[in-house]
Amino acid sequence: MSSQDSQDIETATTAIESAPDTKTRRYDRQLRLWAATGQSALESSRVLLVSGSATSTSILKNLVLPGIGHFTILDHAKVSHSDAGNNFFLEGYNSIGKSRAEEAVQLLSELNDGVEGRADTRTLESILESHPEWITSFTIVISHNLDHALLNKLSALLWKDAKYPPLVVVRSAGFLADFYIQFHEHTIIESHSETSPSLRIDKPFQALREHALSLEFDNMDSTEHGHIPYVVILVRALEDWKKSHNGGLPKSYEERQQFKKSVLALKVKGDEENFDEAEAQAYRCWTETKVPSEILALFSDPALSTKAMDNNQSPFFHLLAALKEYTEQSDTHTLPLTSTLPDMKSDTNNYIHLQRLYKTRAEEEKQAFKSYLRVPVDDGMVDSFVKNAHALVVLRGKPWGTFDEDKAALVESLSTMPKETCIHLALSALSLLQASDTSVSPSAESIRAKIQSIVGQSTELPDEADDAIGEIARAPFSELPNTAAFLGGMVAQEVIKMITKQYVPVKGYCVIDLIETWTGTIGA
């Protein structure tokens, strides 16, 4: 092994050998999920939570523990007996009569001394009227069981400008719940797709092709022969195939089976796993490396028009425009190569050599890609973009309440996903009934009548509506600790996705039924 190889291995393992700092030890597991960039985004975030209910504090618990920068609980209510009984972030009987926001902040802050917590006892209505800009200063806003009229005002405020923060609307009653994320546009570079980037075996770059052809398989000893990476085996086998088939790839089923047999025929011993691996990965030879259809669709995004680009400050779309131009101009018409290699049967020398070939070529193509950028972009973001170019995502959302105003969409959803839609409609009916008269507990009849008014009198409700209506009527104002805990985990997970811009958040209404224990999504 060369000294350079030794240095690479030593450098790669330095972080493992050295003692991690306090922050790394505290956040070790989550850093494996969203890395330092995601953690930095979390630590600079400011979260506003409207309501200090049991569900709200459960959501915050799952945001405070991973280390958001700041949270504010906006709640003018005092702790009631029911609050003391279902909210684990209150001091039980001792908290009754005190500010619900202040009591919750005190215990939530104890979970992580690196997070700043604040209680605000003003009313949302007064802030919307006098200081709406205060609300828009947060990274994300979360509400739970908010009054229907106030929710509409809050939603309208945050929808006024695409730069305003997303709004997460959470509703629950008994064992049923749903939540919705309102946002204008959400771009994701690190979607953590399960689809691996192409190794470009069918279109090998020159250095890889030359390396594969330079190896003398017949003159190798058995140990070295058994550690040739499958990528090299396939490139070599494909080049040999092309010579005897006028430069063509295996096309028919018979040809592909013949190609696989030719790969296995290269074995010198029956237990050479690297050749078995090559045979299993042979599909890469006839699967054309091209720009994925999802990325091609992004190339037609209206945000890439000349007029839009002149006014667009988002580096994501400037990177996307450069990517489009790069794929059109490159010889292979593919995305830039990534240096990331999967695990494979090999030894250290062969694997590192292959990795260097890919790394060198990937760096060359990254530099070529950067030449198409029309505005300066941070190098770290460019690196991440190129590495994840095969799995970019652009989401565009709708204002809260749009789904309930679209009777045709509701009718279609009732026919395709009746359980999910009925629970959503029952929660919407409950919200509307509470807005009209808070002194009367909603009955099954009044909930059904309200649902009927939402979907239209001519629409027949499915049988699944009875179960949803029955549960809402049974516990219209009940906030159960287990429902609060489940919602706390689910909503916090989606909030983290929005803040870090990693992984793909749920789109539409996520409906939860903890009676039968399932979740579903409608109205996307």
Protein backbone atom coordinates (compact mmCIF):
# COMPACT_ATOMS: atom_id res chain seq x y z
CA MET A 1 0.00 0.00 0.00
CA SER A 2 1.40 3.44 -0.93
CA SER A 3 2.00 6.23 1.57
CA GLN A 4 -0.86 8.14 -0.03
CA ASP A 5 -3.20 5.23 0.68
CA SER A 6 -2.04 5.20 4.29
CA GLN A 7 -2.64 8.92 4.61
CA ASP A 8 -6.15 8.64 3.18
CA ILE A 9 -7.09 5.89 5.64
CA GLU A 10 -5.55 7.78 8.55
CA THR A 11 -7.36 10.96 7.59
CA ALA A 12 -10.64 9.10 7.15
CA THR A 13 -10.45 7.60 10.62
CA THR A 14 -9.19 10.61 12.54
CA ALA A 15 -12.70 11.63 13.62
CA ILE A 16 -13.32 8.15 14.94
CA GLU A 17 -10.06 7.96 16.90
CA SER A 18 -10.27 11.45 18.44
CA ALA A 19 -12.61 12.12 21.34
CA PRO A 20 -15.87 13.75 20.16
CA ASP A 21 -16.86 17.09 21.66
CA THR A 22 -19.85 17.54 23.96
CA LYS A 23 -22.23 18.55 21.15
CA THR A 24 -21.22 15.58 18.99
CA ARG A 25 -21.77 13.19 21.88
CA ARG A 26 -25.16 14.72 22.68
CA TYR A 27 -26.44 14.72 19.11
CA ASP A 28 -24.53 11.70 17.79
CA ARG A 29 -27.50 9.68 16.55
CA GLN A 30 -29.29 12.52 14.80
CA LEU A 31 -26.07 13.74 13.16
CA ARG A 32 -26.05 10.40 11.38
CA LEU A 33 -29.47 11.30 9.95
CA TRP A 34 -29.07 14.93 8.86
CA ALA A 35 -25.34 15.65 9.37
CA ALA A 36 -23.81 18.95 10.45
CA THR A 37 -25.72 21.00 7.86
CA GLY A 38 -29.06 19.81 9.20
CA GLN A 39 -28.01 20.36 12.80
CA SER A 40 -26.86 23.89 11.98
CA ALA A 41 -30.26 24.64 10.41
CA LEU A 42 -32.01 23.33 13.53
CA GLU A 43 -29.85 25.35 15.90
CA SER A 44 -30.55 28.57 14.01
CA SER A 45 -34.32 27.98 13.84
CA ARG A 46 -36.97 29.87 15.79
CA VAL A 47 -40.25 28.01 16.39
CA LEU A 48 -43.53 29.64 17.39
CA LEU A 49 -46.13 27.35 18.94
CA VAL A 50 -49.64 28.73 19.38
CA SER A 51 -51.15 26.95 22.42
CA GLY A 52 -49.59 25.26 25.42
CA SER A 53 -51.76 22.15 25.23
CA ALA A 54 -50.53 18.62 25.91
CA THR A 55 -50.15 18.00 22.17
CA SER A 56 -48.27 21.27 21.70
CA THR A 57 -45.78 20.51 24.45
CA SER A 58 -45.29 16.97 23.13
CA ILE A 59 -44.38 18.46 19.74
CA LEU A 60 -41.99 20.88 21.38
CA LYS A 61 -40.37 18.14 23.45
CA ASN A 62 -39.37 16.41 20.21
CA LEU A 63 -37.94 19.65 18.85
CA VAL A 64 -36.15 20.79 22.00
CA LEU A 65 -34.33 17.48 22.46
CA PRO A 66 -32.66 17.54 18.99
CA GLY A 67 -31.67 21.17 19.57
CA ILE A 68 -33.72 23.88 17.86
CA GLY A 69 -32.37 27.35 18.59
CA HIS A 70 -35.42 29.01 20.13
CA PHE A 71 -39.08 28.37 20.82
CA THR A 72 -41.89 30.60 21.98
CA ILE A 73 -45.21 29.36 23.35
CA LEU A 74 -47.96 31.87 22.65
CA ASP A 75 -50.83 31.15 25.05
CA HIS A 76 -52.87 33.46 27.26
CA ALA A 77 -54.74 30.61 29.01
CA LYS A 78 -54.36 29.54 32.63
CA VAL A 79 -53.73 25.92 33.61
CA SER A 80 -57.01 24.07 34.17
CA HIS A 81 -57.65 20.83 36.03
CA SER A 82 -57.82 18.94 32.72
CA ASP A 83 -54.50 20.46 31.65
CA ALA A 84 -52.88 19.31 34.88
CA GLY A 85 -54.18 15.81 34.25
CA ASN A 86 -53.00 15.29 30.66
CA ASN A 87 -49.95 17.54 30.18
CA PHE A 88 -46.67 16.04 31.38
CA PHE A 89 -44.95 19.43 31.09
CA LEU A 90 -46.92 21.00 33.92
CA GLU A 91 -46.39 20.60 37.66
CA GLY A 92 -49.72 18.85 38.12
CA TYR A 93 -51.95 20.35 40.81
CA ASN A 94 -49.33 23.01 41.64
CA SER A 95 -49.66 24.54 38.15
CA ILE A 96 -53.44 25.05 38.26
CA GLY A 97 -54.36 28.70 37.87
CA LYS A 98 -50.91 29.72 36.63
CA SER A 99 -49.92 30.71 33.11
CA ARG A 100 -49.96 27.60 30.92
CA ALA A 101 -47.24 28.99 28.64
CA GLU A 102 -44.90 29.93 31.50
CA GLU A 103 -45.32 26.63 33.30
CA ALA A 104 -44.68 24.60 30.13
CA VAL A 105 -41.63 26.64 29.12
CA GLN A 106 -40.04 26.09 32.51
CA LEU A 107 -40.09 22.28 32.23
CA LEU A 108 -39.40 22.11 28.50
CA SER A 109 -36.28 24.24 28.93
CA GLU A 110 -34.88 21.69 31.36
CA LEU A 111 -34.67 19.14 28.54
CA ASN A 112 -31.87 20.97 26.72
CA ASP A 113 -29.87 23.85 28.15
CA GLY A 114 -28.75 24.81 24.63
CA VAL A 115 -32.28 25.81 23.62
CA GLU A 116 -33.81 29.18 24.44
CA GLY A 117 -37.46 29.05 25.53
CA ARG A 118 -39.89 31.92 26.04
CA ALA A 119 -43.51 32.26 27.12
CA ASP A 120 -45.77 34.94 25.64
CA THR A 121 -49.14 35.46 27.35
CA ARG A 122 -50.60 37.85 24.79
CA THR A 123 -53.55 36.74 22.67
CA LEU A 124 -53.02 35.74 19.06
CA GLU A 125 -55.87 38.05 18.06
CA SER A 126 -54.14 41.12 19.50
CA ILE A 127 -50.85 40.24 17.80
CA LEU A 128 -52.53 39.70 14.44
CA GLU A 129 -54.08 43.13 14.73
CA SER A 130 -51.13 45.12 16.09
CA HIS A 131 -47.85 43.20 15.47
CA PRO A 132 -48.27 40.67 12.65
CA GLU A 133 -44.62 41.12 11.67
CA TRP A 134 -43.63 39.46 14.96
CA ILE A 135 -45.24 36.21 13.80
CA THR A 136 -43.52 36.32 10.42
CA SER A 137 -40.09 36.60 12.09
CA PHE A 138 -40.13 32.91 13.09
CA THR A 139 -38.76 30.00 11.06
CA ILE A 140 -41.96 27.99 11.36
CA VAL A 141 -45.32 28.39 13.14
CA ILE A 142 -47.30 25.51 14.69
CA SER A 143 -50.88 25.69 15.95
CA HIS A 144 -53.02 23.13 17.77
CA ASN A 145 -56.83 23.16 17.88
CA LEU A 146 -56.86 26.85 17.13
CA ASP A 147 -60.17 28.72 16.86
CA HIS A 148 -61.46 28.50 13.29
CA ALA A 149 -61.61 32.26 12.66
CA LEU A 150 -58.18 32.90 14.19
CA LEU A 151 -56.70 30.03 12.20
CA ASN A 152 -58.03 31.51 8.98
CA LYS A 153 -56.50 34.89 9.85
CA LEU A 154 -53.16 33.32 10.75
CA SER A 155 -53.16 31.23 7.59
CA ALA A 156 -54.00 34.26 5.44
CA LEU A 157 -51.21 36.30 7.03
CA LEU A 158 -48.55 33.65 6.45
CA TRP A 159 -49.73 33.07 2.87
CA LYS A 160 -49.35 36.73 1.90
CA ASP A 161 -45.65 36.40 1.10
CA ALA A 162 -43.66 33.38 -0.07
CA LYS A 163 -40.89 34.46 2.31
CA TYR A 164 -43.13 34.07 5.36
CA PRO A 165 -42.72 30.93 7.46
CA PRO A 166 -44.64 27.69 6.88
CA LEU A 167 -47.68 27.01 9.08
CA VAL A 168 -48.31 23.58 10.61
CA VAL A 169 -51.98 23.13 11.55
CA VAL A 170 -52.65 20.33 14.04
CA ARG A 171 -56.15 19.21 15.09
CA SER A 172 -57.12 16.39 17.43
CA ALA A 173 -60.12 15.02 19.33
CA GLY A 174 -60.02 11.80 21.29
CA PHE A 175 -58.19 9.15 19.31
CA LEU A 176 -58.47 10.99 15.96
CA ALA A 177 -56.26 13.73 14.53
CA ASP A 178 -54.89 15.31 11.39
CA PHE A 179 -52.24 17.86 10.51
CA TYR A 180 -51.38 19.96 7.47
CA ILE A 181 -48.31 21.97 6.44
CA GLN A 182 -49.01 25.21 4.61
CA PHE A 183 -46.10 26.42 2.48
CA HIS A 184 -45.56 28.17 -0.84
CA GLU A 185 -42.49 26.37 -2.12
CA HIS A 186 -40.10 23.88 -0.56
CA THR A 187 -36.90 22.81 -2.31
CA ILE A 188 -34.94 19.77 -1.17
CA ILE A 189 -31.40 18.87 -2.15
CA GLU A 190 -30.77 16.12 0.38
CA SER A 191 -33.95 14.07 0.00
CA HIS A 192 -32.11 10.91 1.11
CA SER A 193 -33.65 8.95 -1.74
CA GLU A 194 -33.32 5.18 -1.70
CA THR A 195 -32.36 5.37 -5.39
CA SER A 196 -28.59 5.25 -5.80
CA PRO A 197 -26.80 7.53 -8.28
CA SER A 198 -25.63 5.86 -11.48
CA LEU A 199 -22.14 4.30 -11.61
CA ARG A 200 -22.28 4.92 -15.37
CA ILE A 201 -21.09 1.41 -16.27
CA ASP A 202 -22.83 1.59 -19.66
CA LYS A 203 -21.06 4.89 -20.40
CA PRO A 204 -17.69 4.50 -18.63
CA PHE A 205 -15.43 7.54 -18.48
CA GLN A 206 -12.04 7.16 -20.14
CA ALA A 207 -9.95 6.48 -17.01
CA LEU A 208 -12.36 3.76 -15.82
CA ARG A 209 -12.44 2.11 -19.24
CA GLU A 210 -8.67 2.19 -19.58
CA HIS A 211 -8.23 0.72 -16.10
CA ALA A 212 -10.65 -2.13 -16.82
CA LEU A 213 -8.97 -2.96 -20.12
CA SER A 214 -5.48 -2.79 -18.66
CA LEU A 215 -6.06 -5.64 -16.20
CA GLU A 216 -4.87 -9.07 -17.25
CA PHE A 217 -7.46 -11.31 -15.63
CA ASP A 218 -5.79 -14.53 -16.84
CA ASN A 219 -2.39 -13.67 -15.32
CA MET A 220 -3.66 -12.70 -11.85
CA ASP A 221 -3.20 -14.90 -8.82
CA SER A 222 -6.39 -16.29 -7.32
CA THR A 223 -6.43 -13.85 -4.39
CA GLU A 224 -6.17 -10.76 -6.58
CA HIS A 225 -8.62 -12.22 -9.11
CA GLY A 226 -11.18 -12.73 -6.34
CA HIS A 227 -11.03 -9.05 -5.30
CA ILE A 228 -11.60 -7.23 -8.59
CA PRO A 229 -14.54 -4.84 -7.93
CA TYR A 230 -17.69 -5.76 -9.82
CA VAL A 231 -17.71 -2.34 -11.51
CA VAL A 232 -14.40 -3.13 -13.20
CA ILE A 233 -15.54 -6.65 -14.12
CA LEU A 234 -18.70 -5.35 -15.78
CA VAL A 235 -16.94 -2.56 -17.68
CA ARG A 236 -14.42 -5.08 -19.01
CA ALA A 237 -17.07 -7.69 -19.87
CA LEU A 238 -19.19 -5.06 -21.62
CA GLU A 239 -16.27 -3.85 -23.71
CA ASP A 240 -15.55 -7.44 -24.75
CA TRP A 241 -19.23 -7.91 -25.61
CA LYS A 242 -19.30 -4.77 -27.76
CA LYS A 243 -16.31 -6.01 -29.79
CA SER A 244 -18.21 -9.13 -30.84
CA HIS A 245 -21.60 -7.44 -31.27
CA ASN A 246 -20.80 -4.42 -33.45
CA GLY A 247 -20.66 -2.06 -30.47
CA GLY A 248 -24.16 -2.95 -29.28
CA LEU A 249 -25.37 -3.67 -25.77
CA PRO A 250 -27.23 -6.83 -24.71
CA LYS A 251 -30.84 -6.18 -25.72
CA SER A 252 -32.97 -9.28 -25.81
CA TYR A 253 -33.58 -11.62 -22.91
CA GLU A 254 -31.41 -14.28 -24.53
CA GLU A 255 -28.53 -11.85 -25.05
CA ARG A 256 -28.71 -10.66 -21.46
CA GLN A 257 -28.65 -14.21 -20.15
CA GLN A 258 -25.69 -14.92 -22.43
CA PHE A 259 -23.90 -11.85 -21.11
CA LYS A 260 -24.43 -12.97 -17.51
CA LYS A 261 -22.99 -16.38 -18.36
CA SER A 262 -19.94 -14.73 -19.92
CA VAL A 263 -19.37 -12.82 -16.67
CA LEU A 264 -19.54 -16.00 -14.59
CA ALA A 265 -17.25 -17.74 -17.09
CA LEU A 266 -14.47 -15.36 -16.04
CA LYS A 267 -14.26 -17.10 -12.67
CA VAL A 268 -11.15 -19.12 -11.91
CA LYS A 269 -12.58 -20.48 -8.65
CA GLY A 270 -16.16 -21.37 -7.85
CA ASP A 271 -16.35 -19.26 -4.67
CA GLU A 272 -15.37 -15.89 -6.17
CA GLU A 273 -18.11 -13.69 -4.75
CA ASN A 274 -17.05 -10.63 -6.71
CA PHE A 275 -18.06 -12.32 -9.99
CA ASP A 276 -21.36 -13.46 -8.46
CA GLU A 277 -21.87 -9.82 -7.46
CA ALA A 278 -21.06 -8.69 -11.01
CA GLU A 279 -23.59 -11.15 -12.42
CA ALA A 280 -26.26 -9.82 -10.03
CA GLN A 281 -25.47 -6.23 -11.05
CA ALA A 282 -25.30 -6.99 -14.79
CA TYR A 283 -28.54 -5.06 -15.39
CA ARG A 284 -26.50 -1.88 -15.05
CA CYS A 285 -24.85 -2.69 -18.38
CA TRP A 286 -28.05 -2.45 -20.43
CA THR A 287 -29.89 0.09 -18.27
CA GLU A 288 -29.13 3.36 -19.99
CA THR A 289 -27.67 6.06 -17.79
CA LYS A 290 -29.78 9.13 -18.41
CA VAL A 291 -31.33 12.02 -16.53
CA PRO A 292 -34.13 10.63 -14.29
CA SER A 293 -37.65 11.57 -15.42
CA GLU A 294 -38.29 13.42 -12.13
CA ILE A 295 -35.26 15.65 -12.76
CA LEU A 296 -36.22 16.17 -16.40
CA ALA A 297 -39.60 17.42 -15.18
CA LEU A 298 -37.81 19.96 -12.95
CA PHE A 299 -35.97 21.27 -16.02
CA SER A 300 -39.37 22.46 -17.31
CA ASP A 301 -40.24 24.23 -14.06
CA PRO A 302 -41.59 27.78 -14.61
CA ALA A 303 -39.05 29.03 -12.06
CA LEU A 304 -36.31 28.40 -14.66
CA SER A 305 -37.77 30.82 -17.20
CA THR A 306 -35.56 33.78 -18.07
CA LYS A 307 -37.93 36.27 -16.47
CA ALA A 308 -38.25 34.24 -13.29
CA MET A 309 -34.51 33.70 -12.98
CA ASP A 310 -33.84 37.45 -13.16
CA ASN A 311 -35.90 37.93 -9.99
CA ASN A 312 -35.14 34.64 -8.23
CA GLN A 313 -32.72 34.90 -5.33
CA SER A 314 -32.87 31.19 -4.50
CA PRO A 315 -29.53 29.47 -5.17
CA PHE A 316 -31.41 26.19 -5.70
CA PHE A 317 -32.95 27.31 -8.99
CA HIS A 318 -29.69 28.81 -10.21
CA LEU A 319 -28.08 25.44 -9.51
CA LEU A 320 -30.95 23.69 -11.27
CA ALA A 321 -30.58 25.95 -14.32
CA ALA A 322 -26.87 25.16 -14.43
CA LEU A 323 -27.64 21.45 -14.15
CA LYS A 324 -30.04 21.64 -17.07
CA GLU A 325 -27.47 23.37 -19.24
CA TYR A 326 -24.75 20.95 -18.15
CA THR A 327 -26.77 17.85 -19.10
CA GLU A 328 -27.62 19.37 -22.47
CA GLN A 329 -23.99 20.22 -23.25
CA SER A 330 -22.13 17.21 -21.80
CA ASP A 331 -21.03 14.37 -24.09
CA THR A 332 -22.96 11.75 -22.15
CA HIS A 333 -26.05 13.94 -21.50
CA THR A 334 -26.09 12.66 -17.93
CA LEU A 335 -25.98 14.19 -14.48
CA PRO A 336 -22.54 14.95 -13.02
CA LEU A 337 -20.81 11.83 -11.73
CA THR A 338 -20.73 11.29 -7.97
CA SER A 339 -17.71 9.85 -6.18
CA THR A 340 -19.91 7.83 -3.84
CA LEU A 341 -19.43 4.10 -4.35
CA PRO A 342 -21.55 1.32 -2.84
CA ASP A 343 -20.03 -1.48 -0.80
CA MET A 344 -18.67 -4.29 -2.91
CA LYS A 345 -16.51 -7.40 -2.66
CA SER A 346 -12.94 -6.16 -3.01
CA ASP A 347 -9.72 -5.52 -1.12
CA THR A 348 -8.45 -2.18 0.15
CA ASN A 349 -6.08 -1.47 -2.74
CA ASN A 350 -8.58 -2.22 -5.51
CA TYR A 351 -11.43 -0.36 -3.82
CA ILE A 352 -9.37 2.75 -3.06
CA HIS A 353 -8.00 2.81 -6.60
CA LEU A 354 -11.53 2.61 -8.02
CA GLN A 355 -12.70 5.28 -5.60
CA ARG A 356 -9.90 7.58 -6.76
CA LEU A 357 -10.86 7.11 -10.38
CA TYR A 358 -14.44 8.11 -9.59
CA LYS A 359 -13.38 10.95 -7.29
CA THR A 360 -11.05 12.44 -9.90
CA ARG A 361 -13.66 12.24 -12.63
CA ALA A 362 -16.40 13.56 -10.33
CA GLU A 363 -14.25 16.58 -9.48
CA GLU A 364 -13.63 17.26 -13.18
CA GLU A 365 -17.34 17.12 -13.93
CA LYS A 366 -18.18 19.27 -10.91
CA GLN A 367 -15.83 21.96 -12.18
CA ALA A 368 -17.47 21.73 -15.60
CA PHE A 369 -20.87 22.06 -13.92
CA LYS A 370 -19.75 25.15 -11.98
CA SER A 371 -18.84 26.85 -15.24
CA TYR A 372 -22.56 27.02 -16.07
CA LEU A 373 -23.45 28.88 -12.87
CA ARG A 374 -24.44 32.47 -13.47
CA VAL A 375 -24.36 33.59 -9.82
CA PRO A 376 -21.94 32.77 -6.98
CA VAL A 377 -23.05 29.82 -4.83
CA ASP A 378 -21.40 28.47 -1.70
CA ASP A 379 -19.02 25.60 -2.50
CA GLY A 380 -20.55 23.40 0.18
CA MET A 381 -23.99 23.80 -1.38
CA VAL A 382 -22.58 23.06 -4.85
CA ASP A 383 -20.96 19.87 -3.54
CA SER A 384 -24.20 18.75 -1.91
CA PHE A 385 -26.23 19.60 -5.01
CA VAL A 386 -23.98 17.65 -7.37
CA LYS A 387 -23.86 14.67 -4.99
CA ASN A 388 -27.67 14.57 -4.76
CA ALA A 389 -28.54 15.74 -8.27
CA HIS A 390 -30.34 12.44 -9.00
CA ALA A 391 -32.89 12.98 -6.21
CA LEU A 392 -33.75 16.70 -6.12
CA VAL A 393 -37.29 17.59 -5.06
CA VAL A 394 -39.41 20.73 -5.48
CA LEU A 395 -42.74 20.87 -3.63
CA ARG A 396 -45.41 23.52 -4.00
CA GLY A 397 -48.19 23.79 -1.46
CA LYS A 398 -51.61 25.35 -1.03
CA PRO A 399 -53.20 27.56 1.61
CA TRP A 400 -54.84 25.92 4.59
CA GLY A 401 -58.53 25.16 3.92
CA THR A 402 -58.28 24.92 0.11
CA PHE A 403 -59.20 21.23 0.17
CA ASP A 404 -62.41 21.80 2.16
CA GLU A 405 -63.51 24.44 -0.33
CA ASP A 406 -63.15 22.06 -3.29
CA LYS A 407 -66.32 19.94 -3.24
CA ALA A 408 -65.28 17.92 -6.29
CA ALA A 409 -61.97 16.98 -4.65
CA LEU A 410 -63.76 16.03 -1.44
CA VAL A 411 -66.26 13.81 -3.27
CA GLU A 412 -63.44 12.06 -5.13
CA SER A 413 -61.49 11.60 -1.90
CA LEU A 414 -64.58 10.13 -0.20
CA SER A 415 -64.78 7.50 -2.91
CA THR A 416 -61.08 6.59 -2.96
CA MET A 417 -60.06 7.07 0.68
CA PRO A 418 -63.30 7.11 2.69
CA LYS A 419 -61.85 6.48 6.17
CA GLU A 420 -59.22 9.22 5.95
CA THR A 421 -61.59 11.73 4.37
CA CYS A 422 -64.38 11.11 6.90
CA ILE A 423 -62.04 11.70 9.84
CA HIS A 424 -60.75 14.89 8.25
CA LEU A 425 -64.29 16.12 7.57
CA ALA A 426 -65.41 15.26 11.11
CA LEU A 427 -62.54 17.34 12.53
CA SER A 428 -63.41 20.20 10.16
CA ALA A 429 -67.06 19.99 11.21
CA LEU A 430 -66.05 20.10 14.88
CA SER A 431 -63.95 23.20 14.27
CA LEU A 432 -66.82 24.96 12.49
CA LEU A 433 -69.34 24.01 15.18
CA GLN A 434 -67.06 25.31 17.94
CA ALA A 435 -66.68 28.57 16.05
CA SER A 436 -70.43 29.05 15.87
CA ASP A 437 -71.32 28.08 19.45
CA THR A 438 -68.79 27.19 22.14
CA SER A 439 -71.41 26.68 24.85
CA VAL A 440 -72.94 23.51 23.39
CA SER A 441 -71.12 20.20 23.02
CA PRO A 442 -71.47 19.00 19.41
CA SER A 443 -73.77 16.01 18.89
CA ALA A 444 -73.48 13.29 16.28
CA GLU A 445 -76.41 14.82 14.41
CA SER A 446 -74.91 18.32 14.32
CA ILE A 447 -71.51 16.96 13.19
CA ARG A 448 -73.14 14.96 10.39
CA ALA A 449 -75.18 17.97 9.29
CA LYS A 450 -72.05 20.15 9.20
CA ILE A 451 -70.12 17.54 7.19
CA GLN A 452 -73.02 17.39 4.76
CA SER A 453 -72.91 21.16 4.35
CA ILE A 454 -69.18 20.97 3.56
CA VAL A 455 -69.42 18.27 0.88
CA GLY A 456 -72.85 19.26 -0.44
CA GLN A 457 -76.32 17.97 0.35
CA SER A 458 -76.40 15.79 -2.77
CA THR A 459 -73.33 13.79 -1.69
CA GLU A 460 -74.03 10.58 0.18
CA LEU A 461 -71.62 9.95 3.05
CA PRO A 462 -70.02 6.48 3.17
CA ASP A 463 -70.54 4.10 6.08
CA GLU A 464 -67.09 5.02 7.44
CA ALA A 465 -68.50 8.42 8.41
CA ASP A 466 -70.42 6.83 11.32
CA ASP A 467 -67.22 5.76 13.09
CA ALA A 468 -65.52 9.14 12.69
CA ILE A 469 -68.61 11.07 13.76
CA GLY A 470 -69.13 8.77 16.74
CA GLU A 471 -65.60 9.26 18.06
CA ILE A 472 -65.69 13.05 17.62
CA ALA A 473 -69.09 13.26 19.33
CA ARG A 474 -67.84 11.02 22.16
CA ALA A 475 -64.78 13.13 22.92
CA PRO A 476 -64.96 16.49 21.10
CA PHE A 477 -62.75 18.33 23.58
CA SER A 478 -60.73 15.41 24.95
CA GLU A 479 -56.95 15.56 24.61
CA LEU A 480 -55.60 12.12 25.41
CA PRO A 481 -51.95 11.74 26.50
CA ASN A 482 -51.26 8.87 24.09
CA THR A 483 -52.72 10.80 21.13
CA ALA A 484 -50.69 13.84 22.19
CA ALA A 485 -47.50 11.76 22.40
CA PHE A 486 -48.05 10.14 18.99
CA LEU A 487 -48.82 13.47 17.35
CA GLY A 488 -45.83 15.01 19.09
CA GLY A 489 -43.49 12.58 17.39
CA MET A 490 -45.10 12.72 13.95
CA VAL A 491 -45.50 16.49 13.73
CA ALA A 492 -42.01 17.18 15.11
CA GLN A 493 -40.56 14.82 12.50
CA GLU A 494 -42.21 16.80 9.69
CA VAL A 495 -41.19 20.12 11.23
CA ILE A 496 -37.56 18.96 11.32
CA LYS A 497 -37.81 18.03 7.62
CA MET A 498 -39.08 21.54 6.83
CA ILE A 499 -36.39 23.27 8.90
CA THR A 500 -33.44 21.21 7.69
CA LYS A 501 -34.73 20.91 4.10
CA GLN A 502 -33.78 17.25 4.25
CA TYR A 503 -36.01 14.25 3.59
CA VAL A 504 -39.41 14.77 1.94
CA PRO A 505 -42.18 16.09 4.22
CA VAL A 506 -45.76 14.90 4.05
CA LYS A 507 -47.85 16.79 1.52
CA GLY A 508 -51.56 17.18 2.10
CA TYR A 509 -53.48 16.26 5.23
CA CYS A 510 -51.94 13.50 7.31
CA VAL A 511 -54.83 11.75 9.06
CA ILE A 512 -54.29 9.66 12.21
CA ASP A 513 -56.63 7.04 13.66
CA LEU A 514 -55.35 5.60 16.94
CA ILE A 515 -58.41 3.40 17.43
CA GLU A 516 -57.37 1.16 14.52
CA THR A 517 -53.78 2.49 14.55
CA TRP A 518 -53.14 3.76 11.04
CA THR A 519 -52.21 6.95 9.21
CA GLY A 520 -53.09 8.14 5.72
CA THR A 521 -52.68 11.19 3.50
CA ILE A 522 -55.35 13.01 1.50
CA GLY A 523 -55.72 16.32 -0.31
CA ALA A 524 -52.15 16.47 -1.59
